C-alpha atoms as a PDB file:
ATOM      1  CA  MET A   1      40.525 442.656  70.130  1.00  0.00           C
ATOM      2  CA  LYS A   2      42.089 446.008  70.828  1.00  0.00           C
ATOM      3  CA  ASP A   3      40.638 449.246  69.450  1.00  0.00           C
ATOM      4  CA  GLU A   4      41.846 452.840  68.734  1.00  0.00           C
ATOM      5  CA  THR A   5      41.283 453.983  72.155  1.00  0.00           C
ATOM      6  CA  GLY A   6      43.376 451.332  73.743  1.00  0.00           C
ATOM      7  CA  GLN A   7      39.873 449.630  75.394  1.00  0.00           C
ATOM      8  CA  PRO A   8      39.188 445.992  74.405  1.00  0.00           C
ATOM      9  CA  GLU A   9      35.994 446.097  72.220  1.00  0.00           C
ATOM     10  CA  PHE A  10      35.257 449.781  72.958  1.00  0.00           C
ATOM     11  CA  TRP A  11      33.856 450.622  69.587  1.00  0.00           C
ATOM     12  CA  GLU A  12      32.152 447.110  69.088  1.00  0.00           C
ATOM     13  CA  THR A  13      30.047 447.920  72.283  1.00  0.00           C
ATOM     14  CA  ALA A  14      29.617 451.540  71.437  1.00  0.00           C
ATOM     15  CA  PHE A  15      28.068 450.560  68.044  1.00  0.00           C
ATOM     16  CA  THR A  16      26.172 447.642  69.384  1.00  0.00           C
ATOM     17  CA  GLU A  17      24.474 449.836  71.961  1.00  0.00           C
ATOM     18  CA  LYS A  18      24.290 453.213  70.422  1.00  0.00           C
ATOM     19  CA  GLN A  19      24.021 452.018  66.767  1.00  0.00           C
ATOM     20  CA  GLU A  20      23.750 455.069  64.171  1.00  0.00           C
ATOM     21  CA  MET A  21      25.065 457.427  67.067  1.00  0.00           C
ATOM     22  CA  TRP A  22      26.045 460.173  64.831  1.00  0.00           C
ATOM     23  CA  GLY A  23      22.822 460.034  62.496  1.00  0.00           C
ATOM     24  CA  PHE A  24      23.150 459.882  58.682  1.00  0.00           C
ATOM     25  CA  GLU A  25      24.175 463.458  57.767  1.00  0.00           C
ATOM     26  CA  PRO A  26      27.848 463.764  56.632  1.00  0.00           C
ATOM     27  CA  SER A  27      30.008 465.777  59.036  1.00  0.00           C
ATOM     28  CA  ASN A  28      30.799 469.371  58.010  1.00  0.00           C
ATOM     29  CA  SER A  29      34.418 468.190  57.436  1.00  0.00           C
ATOM     30  CA  ALA A  30      33.353 465.411  55.106  1.00  0.00           C
ATOM     31  CA  LEU A  31      31.482 468.067  52.907  1.00  0.00           C
ATOM     32  CA  LEU A  32      34.233 470.246  52.914  1.00  0.00           C
ATOM     33  CA  THR A  33      36.593 467.616  52.010  1.00  0.00           C
ATOM     34  CA  LYS A  34      34.331 466.427  49.159  1.00  0.00           C
ATOM     35  CA  ASP A  35      34.342 469.722  47.664  1.00  0.00           C
ATOM     36  CA  PHE A  36      37.864 469.743  47.866  1.00  0.00           C
ATOM     37  CA  PHE A  37      38.510 466.465  46.203  1.00  0.00           C
ATOM     38  CA  VAL A  38      36.055 467.165  43.487  1.00  0.00           C
ATOM     39  CA  GLU A  39      37.930 470.095  42.663  1.00  0.00           C
ATOM     40  CA  LYS A  40      41.233 468.055  42.424  1.00  0.00           C
ATOM     41  CA  ALA A  41      39.706 465.167  40.579  1.00  0.00           C
ATOM     42  CA  VAL A  42      40.093 462.519  43.063  1.00  0.00           C
ATOM     43  CA  ARG A  43      38.803 459.257  41.834  1.00  0.00           C
ATOM     44  CA  ASN A  44      39.141 456.980  44.807  1.00  0.00           C
ATOM     45  CA  VAL A  45      39.615 457.596  48.602  1.00  0.00           C
ATOM     46  CA  LEU A  46      40.336 455.743  51.379  1.00  0.00           C
ATOM     47  CA  ILE A  47      38.622 456.267  54.807  1.00  0.00           C
ATOM     48  CA  PRO A  48      40.442 454.824  58.018  1.00  0.00           C
ATOM     49  CA  GLY A  49      37.630 454.611  60.787  1.00  0.00           C
ATOM     50  CA  ILE A  50      34.924 454.548  58.538  1.00  0.00           C
ATOM     51  CA  GLY A  51      32.329 453.517  61.042  1.00  0.00           C
ATOM     52  CA  TYR A  52      28.824 452.761  59.597  1.00  0.00           C
ATOM     53  CA  GLY A  53      29.682 455.057  56.535  1.00  0.00           C
ATOM     54  CA  ARG A  54      28.019 458.269  57.239  1.00  0.00           C
ATOM     55  CA  ASN A  55      30.885 460.414  55.702  1.00  0.00           C
ATOM     56  CA  ALA A  56      31.453 458.022  53.107  1.00  0.00           C
ATOM     57  CA  GLN A  57      28.182 458.478  50.873  1.00  0.00           C
ATOM     58  CA  VAL A  58      28.900 461.982  49.987  1.00  0.00           C
ATOM     59  CA  PHE A  59      32.067 460.911  48.101  1.00  0.00           C
ATOM     60  CA  ARG A  60      30.185 457.988  46.507  1.00  0.00           C
ATOM     61  CA  ASP A  61      27.447 460.352  45.332  1.00  0.00           C
ATOM     62  CA  ASN A  62      30.232 462.646  43.465  1.00  0.00           C
ATOM     63  CA  GLY A  63      31.414 459.591  41.740  1.00  0.00           C
ATOM     64  CA  ILE A  64      34.326 458.672  43.831  1.00  0.00           C
ATOM     65  CA  THR A  65      35.122 455.195  44.751  1.00  0.00           C
ATOM     66  CA  VAL A  66      35.391 454.782  48.704  1.00  0.00           C
ATOM     67  CA  THR A  67      37.541 451.999  50.532  1.00  0.00           C
ATOM     68  CA  GLY A  68      36.967 451.844  54.420  1.00  0.00           C
ATOM     69  CA  ILE A  69      39.002 450.466  57.147  1.00  0.00           C
ATOM     70  CA  GLU A  70      36.818 449.800  60.457  1.00  0.00           C
ATOM     71  CA  ILE A  71      37.237 447.985  63.476  1.00  0.00           C
ATOM     72  CA  SER A  72      33.802 447.324  64.632  1.00  0.00           C
ATOM     73  CA  LYS A  73      32.204 444.403  62.811  1.00  0.00           C
ATOM     74  CA  THR A  74      28.876 445.802  63.966  1.00  0.00           C
ATOM     75  CA  ALA A  75      29.418 449.145  62.294  1.00  0.00           C
ATOM     76  CA  ILE A  76      30.672 447.291  58.914  1.00  0.00           C
ATOM     77  CA  ASP A  77      27.166 445.596  59.070  1.00  0.00           C
ATOM     78  CA  MET A  78      25.476 448.667  59.664  1.00  0.00           C
ATOM     79  CA  ALA A  79      27.227 450.238  56.507  1.00  0.00           C
ATOM     80  CA  ARG A  80      26.276 447.301  54.353  1.00  0.00           C
ATOM     81  CA  LYS A  81      22.609 447.786  55.539  1.00  0.00           C
ATOM     82  CA  HIS A  82      22.320 451.189  54.728  1.00  0.00           C
ATOM     83  CA  TYR A  83      24.962 451.746  51.860  1.00  0.00           C
ATOM     84  CA  GLY A  84      25.046 448.719  50.147  1.00  0.00           C
ATOM     85  CA  THR A  85      27.494 445.891  49.830  1.00  0.00           C
ATOM     86  CA  ASP A  86      29.483 446.958  47.038  1.00  0.00           C
ATOM     87  CA  MET A  87      31.899 449.150  49.040  1.00  0.00           C
ATOM     88  CA  ILE A  88      35.377 447.483  50.255  1.00  0.00           C
ATOM     89  CA  ILE A  89      35.533 447.912  54.146  1.00  0.00           C
ATOM     90  CA  HIS A  90      38.556 446.125  55.609  1.00  0.00           C
ATOM     91  CA  HIS A  91      37.719 444.824  59.053  1.00  0.00           C
ATOM     92  CA  GLY A  92      40.690 445.685  61.581  1.00  0.00           C
ATOM     93  CA  SER A  93      42.453 448.486  63.468  1.00  0.00           C
ATOM     94  CA  VAL A  94      44.105 451.450  61.600  1.00  0.00           C
ATOM     95  CA  THR A  95      47.125 450.375  63.693  1.00  0.00           C
ATOM     96  CA  ASP A  96      47.382 447.492  61.420  1.00  0.00           C
ATOM     97  CA  MET A  97      47.568 449.305  58.022  1.00  0.00           C
ATOM     98  CA  PRO A  98      48.113 448.839  55.392  1.00  0.00           C
ATOM     99  CA  PHE A  99      45.377 446.365  54.423  1.00  0.00           C
ATOM    100  CA  ASP A 100      46.180 446.355  50.679  1.00  0.00           C
ATOM    101  CA  ASN A 101      48.815 447.714  48.369  1.00  0.00           C
ATOM    102  CA  TYR A 102      46.509 450.131  46.455  1.00  0.00           C
ATOM    103  CA  ARG A 103      47.963 453.912  46.198  1.00  0.00           C
ATOM    104  CA  TYR A 104      44.726 456.216  46.722  1.00  0.00           C
ATOM    105  CA  ASP A 105      43.981 459.596  45.128  1.00  0.00           C
ATOM    106  CA  GLY A 106      42.885 460.882  48.348  1.00  0.00           C
ATOM    107  CA  ILE A 107      42.631 459.836  52.143  1.00  0.00           C
ATOM    108  CA  PHE A 108      40.040 461.139  54.672  1.00  0.00           C
ATOM    109  CA  CYS A 109      40.523 460.425  58.315  1.00  0.00           C
ATOM    110  CA  TYR A 110      37.814 462.286  60.510  1.00  0.00           C
ATOM    111  CA  ALA A 111      38.286 462.535  64.169  1.00  0.00           C
ATOM    112  CA  LEU A 112      40.146 459.291  64.674  1.00  0.00           C
ATOM    113  CA  ILE A 113      43.948 460.230  64.971  1.00  0.00           C
ATOM    114  CA  HIS A 114      43.512 461.977  68.286  1.00  0.00           C
ATOM    115  CA  LEU A 115      42.416 458.624  69.932  1.00  0.00           C
ATOM    116  CA  LEU A 116      45.822 456.950  69.398  1.00  0.00           C
ATOM    117  CA  ASN A 117      48.873 457.304  71.449  1.00  0.00           C
ATOM    118  CA  SER A 118      52.222 459.021  70.158  1.00  0.00           C
ATOM    119  CA  ASN A 119      53.432 456.119  68.325  1.00  0.00           C
ATOM    120  CA  GLU A 120      50.253 455.005  66.709  1.00  0.00           C
ATOM    121  CA  ARG A 121      49.704 458.667  65.573  1.00  0.00           C
ATOM    122  CA  LYS A 122      53.065 458.757  64.018  1.00  0.00           C
ATOM    123  CA  LYS A 123      52.588 455.331  62.376  1.00  0.00           C
ATOM    124  CA  LEU A 124      48.919 456.217  60.780  1.00  0.00           C
ATOM    125  CA  ILE A 125      50.379 459.331  59.259  1.00  0.00           C
ATOM    126  CA  ARG A 126      53.131 457.680  57.664  1.00  0.00           C
ATOM    127  CA  ASP A 127      50.959 454.763  56.690  1.00  0.00           C
ATOM    128  CA  CYS A 128      48.428 457.060  55.129  1.00  0.00           C
ATOM    129  CA  TYR A 129      51.063 458.850  53.069  1.00  0.00           C
ATOM    130  CA  ASN A 130      52.520 455.830  52.037  1.00  0.00           C
ATOM    131  CA  GLN A 131      49.133 454.874  50.474  1.00  0.00           C
ATOM    132  CA  LEU A 132      48.825 458.199  48.536  1.00  0.00           C
ATOM    133  CA  SER A 133      49.629 458.205  44.812  1.00  0.00           C
ATOM    134  CA  ASP A 134      51.986 461.073  43.721  1.00  0.00           C
ATOM    135  CA  ASN A 135      50.234 464.282  43.759  1.00  0.00           C
ATOM    136  CA  GLY A 136      47.504 462.592  46.162  1.00  0.00           C
ATOM    137  CA  TYR A 137      45.887 464.501  49.136  1.00  0.00           C
ATOM    138  CA  MET A 138      45.395 463.494  52.569  1.00  0.00           C
ATOM    139  CA  VAL A 139      42.782 465.252  54.800  1.00  0.00           C
ATOM    140  CA  PHE A 140      42.538 464.695  58.685  1.00  0.00           C
ATOM    141  CA  THR A 141      40.460 466.074  61.161  1.00  0.00           C
ATOM    142  CA  VAL A 142      41.808 466.518  64.618  1.00  0.00           C
ATOM    143  CA  ILE A 143      40.341 467.535  68.069  1.00  0.00           C
ATOM    144  CA  SER A 144      41.376 471.370  69.099  1.00  0.00           C
ATOM    145  CA  LYS A 145      42.674 472.583  72.403  1.00  0.00           C
ATOM    146  CA  GLU A 146      39.852 475.018  72.126  1.00  0.00           C
ATOM    147  CA  ALA A 147      37.370 471.964  73.049  1.00  0.00           C
ATOM    148  CA  ASP A 148      35.839 472.550  76.334  1.00  0.00           C
ATOM    149  CA  THR A 149      36.851 468.869  77.175  1.00  0.00           C
ATOM    150  CA  TYR A 150      40.583 469.866  77.002  1.00  0.00           C
ATOM    151  CA  GLY A 151      42.069 469.486  80.248  1.00  0.00           C
ATOM    152  CA  LYS A 152      39.205 467.334  81.718  1.00  0.00           C
ATOM    153  CA  GLY A 153      39.465 463.851  82.860  1.00  0.00           C
ATOM    154  CA  LYS A 154      42.490 461.949  83.929  1.00  0.00           C
ATOM    155  CA  PHE A 155      45.953 463.443  82.844  1.00  0.00           C
ATOM    156  CA  LEU A 156      47.863 460.826  80.730  1.00  0.00           C
ATOM    157  CA  SER A 157      50.939 462.894  78.972  1.00  0.00           C
ATOM    158  CA  LYS A 158      51.177 466.410  77.610  1.00  0.00           C
ATOM    159  CA  ASP A 159      47.575 467.405  75.964  1.00  0.00           C
ATOM    160  CA  ARG A 160      46.343 464.003  76.261  1.00  0.00           C
ATOM    161  CA  TYR A 161      43.620 463.086  78.590  1.00  0.00           C
ATOM    162  CA  GLU A 162      41.400 460.028  79.615  1.00  0.00           C
ATOM    163  CA  MET A 163      37.623 460.855  79.636  1.00  0.00           C
ATOM    164  CA  PHE A 164      34.074 459.345  78.738  1.00  0.00           C
ATOM    165  CA  GLY A 165      34.551 455.880  80.323  1.00  0.00           C
ATOM    166  CA  GLY A 166      38.040 455.135  78.656  1.00  0.00           C
ATOM    167  CA  VAL A 167      38.465 457.345  75.732  1.00  0.00           C
ATOM    168  CA  LYS A 168      41.874 458.652  75.370  1.00  0.00           C
ATOM    169  CA  MET A 169      41.990 461.975  73.427  1.00  0.00           C
ATOM    170  CA  PHE A 170      45.153 463.835  72.322  1.00  0.00           C
ATOM    171  CA  PHE A 171      44.184 467.622  71.835  1.00  0.00           C
ATOM    172  CA  TYR A 172      46.221 469.723  69.152  1.00  0.00           C
ATOM    173  CA  ASP A 173      47.118 473.306  68.442  1.00  0.00           C
ATOM    174  CA  ARG A 174      48.723 474.619  65.423  1.00  0.00           C
ATOM    175  CA  GLU A 175      52.180 474.058  66.710  1.00  0.00           C
ATOM    176  CA  SER A 176      51.797 470.295  67.317  1.00  0.00           C
ATOM    177  CA  ILE A 177      50.163 469.889  64.105  1.00  0.00           C
ATOM    178  CA  HIS A 178      53.097 471.393  62.425  1.00  0.00           C
ATOM    179  CA  ALA A 179      55.171 468.795  64.315  1.00  0.00           C
ATOM    180  CA  ALA A 180      53.166 466.001  63.140  1.00  0.00           C
ATOM    181  CA  PHE A 181      52.406 467.052  59.682  1.00  0.00           C
ATOM    182  CA  ASP A 182      55.247 469.195  58.175  1.00  0.00           C
ATOM    183  CA  GLN A 183      57.296 466.140  56.987  1.00  0.00           C
ATOM    184  CA  VAL A 184      54.117 464.626  54.986  1.00  0.00           C
ATOM    185  CA  GLY A 185      53.316 467.834  52.641  1.00  0.00           C
ATOM    186  CA  LEU A 186      51.390 469.923  54.986  1.00  0.00           C
ATOM    187  CA  PHE A 187      50.028 472.906  53.174  1.00  0.00           C
ATOM    188  CA  GLU A 188      46.798 474.123  54.799  1.00  0.00           C
ATOM    189  CA  ILE A 189      45.264 474.251  58.331  1.00  0.00           C
ATOM    190  CA  THR A 190      41.548 475.395  58.813  1.00  0.00           C
ATOM    191  CA  GLU A 191      39.168 475.616  61.924  1.00  0.00           C
ATOM    192  CA  VAL A 192      36.040 473.738  61.483  1.00  0.00           C
ATOM    193  CA  SER A 193      33.037 473.296  64.036  1.00  0.00           C
ATOM    194  CA  GLU A 194      31.377 470.045  64.366  1.00  0.00           C
ATOM    195  CA  ASN A 195      30.158 469.187  67.715  1.00  0.00           C
ATOM    196  CA  TYR A 196      33.133 470.099  68.943  1.00  0.00           C
ATOM    197  CA  PRO A 197      36.134 472.481  67.425  1.00  0.00           C
ATOM    198  CA  LEU A 198      38.404 470.752  65.081  1.00  0.00           C
ATOM    199  CA  PHE A 199      41.127 471.295  62.748  1.00  0.00           C
ATOM    200  CA  LEU A 200      41.029 470.564  59.078  1.00  0.00           C
ATOM    201  CA  ILE A 201      44.611 469.529  58.048  1.00  0.00           C
ATOM    202  CA  LYS A 202      45.405 469.145  54.475  1.00  0.00           C
ATOM    203  CA  CYS A 203      48.743 467.487  53.221  1.00  0.00           C
ATOM    204  CA  ARG A 204      49.682 466.778  49.359  1.00  0.00           C
ATOM    205  CA  LYS A 205      52.090 464.008  48.203  1.00  0.00           C
ATOM    206  CA  PRO A 206      54.449 465.476  45.728  1.00  0.00           C
ATOM    207  CA  SER A 207      55.257 463.587  42.338  1.00  0.00           C
END
């Protein structure tokens, strides 16, 4: 099994050993995106890299149907335990999207794309855009070069480093965000703070 970091079974091991490693509170980014999706009357959301579901429940609590994609079977089992069995979660890597032919009103991709290599990042953006309905919105969060881990670890390529025992991360700035997202309806970039500084990227698919 390959995972988003390029290390076999990295996430399966992480979720097995650390379980609910991020707690149960949704991220700041998920709360901001929930408010935005509610304002835009989004009815269904795809969450690539849903993990054990901590960022999913806030959407469901607001009447939004959530579908997930998750590479770790352990994480899926945890999501079922904590949030019920009625949520569709496709088991596999986001690099193998699409898992269904559904078009979603919204897509929320949290702190995932920066774990992929250049070709995988481009494919994920395109795959997500292709699964948006007309007038649909996709929101990505990416790690910023302002993070204190930027430039640390093993240099892989421009703005990409390997650290934390095998995690490969690409660090974004506004220029690289525009280069990646301008062609898929980018209309807003904001800064948001989690455990590290992120950019919140909003795109809209025209009708």
